[in-house]
Protein backbone atom coordinates (compact mmCIF):
# COMPACT_ATOMS: atom_id res chain seq x y z
CA MET A 1 -11.74 37.97 -48.33
CA LYS A 2 -10.34 37.21 -44.75
CA THR A 3 -7.11 35.09 -44.61
CA MET A 4 -6.89 32.18 -42.13
CA LEU A 5 -3.12 32.73 -41.65
CA PRO A 6 -3.36 34.51 -38.22
CA ASP A 7 -5.69 31.61 -36.95
CA ILE A 8 -3.13 29.01 -38.14
CA LYS A 9 -0.11 30.87 -36.53
CA LEU A 10 -2.07 31.04 -33.31
CA ILE A 11 -2.89 27.34 -33.24
CA THR A 12 0.49 26.43 -34.21
CA LEU A 13 1.94 28.57 -31.45
CA ALA A 14 -0.30 27.09 -28.85
CA ILE A 15 0.61 23.55 -29.92
CA SER A 16 4.10 24.41 -29.75
CA PHE A 17 3.84 25.55 -26.32
CA VAL A 18 1.74 22.45 -25.12
CA MET A 19 4.56 20.20 -26.69
CA MET A 20 7.44 22.07 -25.07
CA ALA A 21 5.64 21.78 -21.81
CA CYS A 22 5.08 18.01 -22.19
CA ASP A 23 8.92 17.76 -23.23
CA LYS A 24 10.13 19.81 -20.53
CA PHE A 25 7.70 18.47 -17.72
CA GLU A 26 7.18 14.88 -18.78
CA ASP A 27 7.70 13.67 -15.25
CA HIS A 28 4.68 15.90 -14.20
CA ILE A 29 2.27 15.11 -16.97
CA TYR A 30 0.07 13.63 -14.35
CA PHE A 31 -1.36 17.19 -13.68
CA PHE A 32 -3.42 16.79 -16.83
CA TYR A 33 -5.54 14.16 -15.42
CA LYS A 34 -7.11 13.59 -11.93
CA LEU A 35 -5.53 10.80 -9.84
CA ASP A 36 -7.72 8.63 -7.89
CA TYR A 37 -7.41 6.41 -4.71
CA PRO A 38 -5.34 3.29 -5.33
CA GLU A 39 -6.84 0.02 -4.14
CA VAL A 40 -5.60 -2.76 -1.96
CA ILE A 41 -6.80 -5.84 -0.37
CA THR A 42 -5.37 -7.49 2.99
CA TYR A 43 -5.08 -11.33 3.00
CA GLU A 44 -5.39 -13.55 6.09
CA PRO A 45 -1.85 -14.36 7.73
CA LYS A 46 -0.06 -17.41 6.60
CA ASN A 47 2.61 -19.56 8.14
CA VAL A 48 1.98 -18.43 11.71
CA THR A 49 4.43 -19.62 14.38
CA SER A 50 5.30 -18.30 17.82
CA ASN A 51 7.63 -15.63 16.24
CA THR A 52 7.04 -15.49 12.43
CA ALA A 53 4.21 -15.05 10.10
CA THR A 54 3.67 -14.02 6.35
CA LEU A 55 1.25 -11.09 5.79
CA SER A 56 0.29 -10.30 2.34
CA GLY A 57 -2.01 -8.07 0.23
CA CYS A 58 -2.95 -7.27 -3.37
CA ILE A 59 -2.79 -3.97 -5.12
CA THR A 60 -5.82 -3.97 -7.26
CA SER A 61 -5.70 -0.52 -8.71
CA THR A 62 -3.02 2.21 -8.88
CA GLY A 63 -5.57 4.91 -9.08
CA LYS A 64 -4.34 6.16 -12.52
CA GLY A 65 -0.93 6.94 -10.75
CA VAL A 66 2.45 5.40 -9.82
CA ILE A 67 2.52 3.41 -6.77
CA VAL A 68 5.20 4.95 -4.62
CA ASN A 69 4.78 2.85 -1.41
CA SER A 70 2.98 -0.35 -0.39
CA GLY A 71 3.19 -2.93 2.48
CA ILE A 72 1.72 -3.73 5.75
CA TYR A 73 0.91 -1.55 8.88
CA ILE A 74 1.34 -3.33 12.07
CA TYR A 75 -0.53 -1.83 14.92
CA LYS A 76 0.21 -1.83 18.75
CA THR A 77 -0.65 -4.99 20.60
CA GLY A 78 -3.92 -4.48 22.58
CA SER A 79 -4.69 -1.16 20.92
CA ASP A 80 -7.84 -0.51 19.06
CA PRO A 81 -6.82 0.55 15.69
CA GLY A 82 -10.29 1.36 14.48
CA LEU A 83 -11.84 0.04 11.30
CA ASP A 84 -12.48 3.28 9.57
CA GLN A 85 -10.53 3.47 6.25
CA THR A 86 -9.51 7.18 6.65
CA SER A 87 -8.41 6.90 10.31
CA HIS A 88 -4.52 7.19 10.95
CA LYS A 89 -4.16 5.49 14.24
CA PRO A 90 -0.66 5.00 15.92
CA PHE A 91 0.90 1.89 14.67
CA ASN A 92 4.26 0.13 15.80
CA GLU A 93 5.77 0.17 12.36
CA LYS A 94 5.30 -0.01 8.78
CA ARG A 95 6.84 -2.83 6.60
CA TYR A 96 7.26 -1.97 3.00
CA SER A 97 7.08 -4.31 -0.01
CA LYS A 98 8.96 -4.12 -3.14
CA ASN A 99 5.89 -4.25 -5.15
CA SER A 100 4.96 -1.11 -7.27
CA THR A 101 2.49 -2.60 -9.56
CA VAL A 102 -0.98 -4.23 -9.52
CA GLY A 103 -0.65 -7.73 -7.85
CA ASP A 104 0.30 -9.54 -4.90
CA PHE A 105 2.77 -8.76 -2.39
CA SER A 106 3.94 -10.39 1.02
CA ILE A 107 6.22 -9.71 3.86
CA LEU A 108 7.75 -12.22 6.27
CA LEU A 109 7.78 -11.17 9.91
CA SER A 110 10.45 -12.90 11.78
CA ASP A 111 10.56 -10.89 15.24
CA LEU A 112 7.06 -11.40 16.66
CA LYS A 113 6.37 -12.36 20.26
CA PRO A 114 4.88 -15.68 21.13
CA ASN A 115 1.22 -16.01 22.01
CA THR A 116 0.62 -12.32 20.94
CA THR A 117 -2.14 -10.60 19.10
CA TYR A 118 -1.26 -7.98 16.22
CA HIS A 119 -3.71 -6.05 14.37
CA TYR A 120 -2.54 -5.16 10.70
CA ARG A 121 -3.60 -4.10 7.28
CA ALA A 122 -2.20 -3.58 3.90
CA PHE A 123 -1.65 -0.25 2.42
CA VAL A 124 -0.86 1.33 -0.77
CA SER A 125 0.05 4.93 -1.84
CA ASN A 126 0.39 6.69 -5.14
CA GLU A 127 1.71 10.18 -5.67
CA GLU A 128 -1.35 11.68 -3.98
CA TYR A 129 -3.52 9.28 -1.99
CA THR A 130 -2.98 6.41 0.46
CA SER A 131 -5.66 3.54 0.72
CA TYR A 132 -5.88 0.85 3.35
CA GLY A 133 -7.26 -2.70 3.05
CA GLU A 134 -9.29 -4.40 5.69
CA MET A 135 -8.19 -4.76 9.14
CA MET A 136 -7.01 -8.29 10.03
CA ILE A 137 -5.80 -10.05 13.04
CA LEU A 138 -2.67 -12.27 13.69
CA VAL A 139 -2.28 -14.30 16.74
CA THR A 140 1.05 -15.87 17.23
CA THR A 141 1.17 -19.38 18.50
CA ASN A 142 2.56 -20.33 22.14
CA ASN A 143 6.12 -21.65 21.81
CA LYS A 144 5.65 -24.01 24.70
CA VAL A 145 4.68 -27.50 23.59
CA PRO A 146 3.58 -30.38 25.70
CA ASP A 147 5.86 -33.54 25.92
CA ASN A 148 4.53 -37.12 25.91
CA ASP A 149 3.68 -36.89 29.56
CA GLY A 150 1.78 -33.68 29.14
CA HIS A 151 4.54 -31.38 30.71
CA THR A 152 5.07 -28.07 28.99
CA ILE A 153 8.53 -27.65 27.35
CA GLN A 154 10.26 -24.98 25.45
């Protein structure tokens, strides 16, 4: 009669190694499942003036990972940033949000130039991938306003 004792010892040993690995490397447990691309939506600009605007987006999926960055890419005025989701065209700057979960975020820009066109899109990154929302256009207003006689004043 064959005993099951060696098989049980082997199974117990294997389970012990897995549990020790999980305890020891709990921050890296995501290696046991495949990460996916996070998802983000870019919203239309709001509260646009000659030098300010609120740009926002919405993280709709974390891609089974932890969100490490989110915010808005602001592209060079007059440049063609391209509409390809995977393109990495030059941008003036990246403005980060504090949001690291599914949901809306917004960023107030207060250093814009009057009567200027900006291209922007939301972005979100998990531990492995970065995704981009749809490209949007922001046009700041002219800071010159007409007086009652039709003359332009600043």
